[in-house]
Amino acid sequence: MAALAWLLIPLVAAIGAGLWGSWAHRTRKARNDGPELTGYARFREAMEKPRPGA
């Protein structure tokens, strides 16, 4: 009976990981890269500006 319990632990962990993975993938579809790309463009523009006094 103890061997059955040791086999159930990885099975429950695999099911939990599968459920978490499907949930994480579902919420990722709604997310857009727009804000990150806009922030990167502003950062790049700021880095390309000449520094005052340099």
Protein backbone atom coordinates (compact mmCIF):
# COMPACT_ATOMS: atom_id res chain seq x y z
CA MET A 1 0.00 0.00 0.00
CA ALA A 2 2.91 2.35 0.71
CA ALA A 3 4.22 1.81 -2.82
CA LEU A 4 0.85 2.92 -4.20
CA ALA A 5 1.07 6.14 -2.17
CA TRP A 6 4.55 6.81 -3.57
CA LEU A 7 3.20 6.34 -7.09
CA LEU A 8 0.26 8.67 -6.48
CA ILE A 9 2.47 11.58 -5.38
CA PRO A 10 4.10 12.08 -8.83
CA LEU A 11 0.75 11.48 -10.53
CA VAL A 12 -0.95 14.22 -8.50
CA ALA A 13 2.05 16.51 -9.10
CA ALA A 14 1.88 15.90 -12.87
CA ILE A 15 -1.84 16.62 -12.96
CA GLY A 16 -1.30 19.80 -10.93
CA ALA A 17 1.52 20.90 -13.25
CA GLY A 18 -0.67 20.27 -16.29
CA LEU A 19 -3.51 22.31 -14.84
CA TRP A 20 -1.19 25.15 -13.89
CA GLY A 21 0.44 25.11 -17.33
CA SER A 22 -2.88 25.27 -19.14
CA TRP A 23 -4.02 28.14 -16.88
CA ALA A 24 -0.76 30.06 -17.40
CA HIS A 25 -1.00 29.63 -21.18
CA ARG A 26 -4.63 30.77 -21.20
CA THR A 27 -3.87 34.05 -19.44
CA ARG A 28 -0.83 34.66 -21.64
CA LYS A 29 -2.95 34.84 -24.81
CA ALA A 30 -4.77 37.91 -23.53
CA ARG A 31 -1.51 39.74 -22.94
CA ASN A 32 -0.08 41.91 -25.67
CA ASP A 33 3.50 42.97 -26.32
CA GLY A 34 2.49 46.58 -27.02
CA PRO A 35 3.44 48.13 -23.65
CA GLU A 36 6.80 46.34 -23.56
CA LEU A 37 7.69 47.41 -27.09
CA THR A 38 6.63 50.99 -26.42
CA GLY A 39 8.78 51.09 -23.28
CA TYR A 40 11.74 49.66 -25.16
CA ALA A 41 11.35 52.27 -27.93
CA ARG A 42 11.35 55.07 -25.34
CA PHE A 43 14.43 53.57 -23.68
CA ARG A 44 16.26 53.32 -27.00
CA GLU A 45 15.40 56.92 -27.89
CA ALA A 46 16.65 58.10 -24.50
CA MET A 47 19.93 56.22 -24.94
CA GLU A 48 20.49 57.67 -28.42
CA LYS A 49 20.16 61.28 -27.21
CA PRO A 50 23.47 63.04 -26.71
CA ARG A 51 24.28 63.69 -23.08
CA PRO A 52 24.37 67.33 -22.06
CA GLY A 53 27.86 68.51 -21.21
CA ALA A 54 29.58 65.51 -22.71
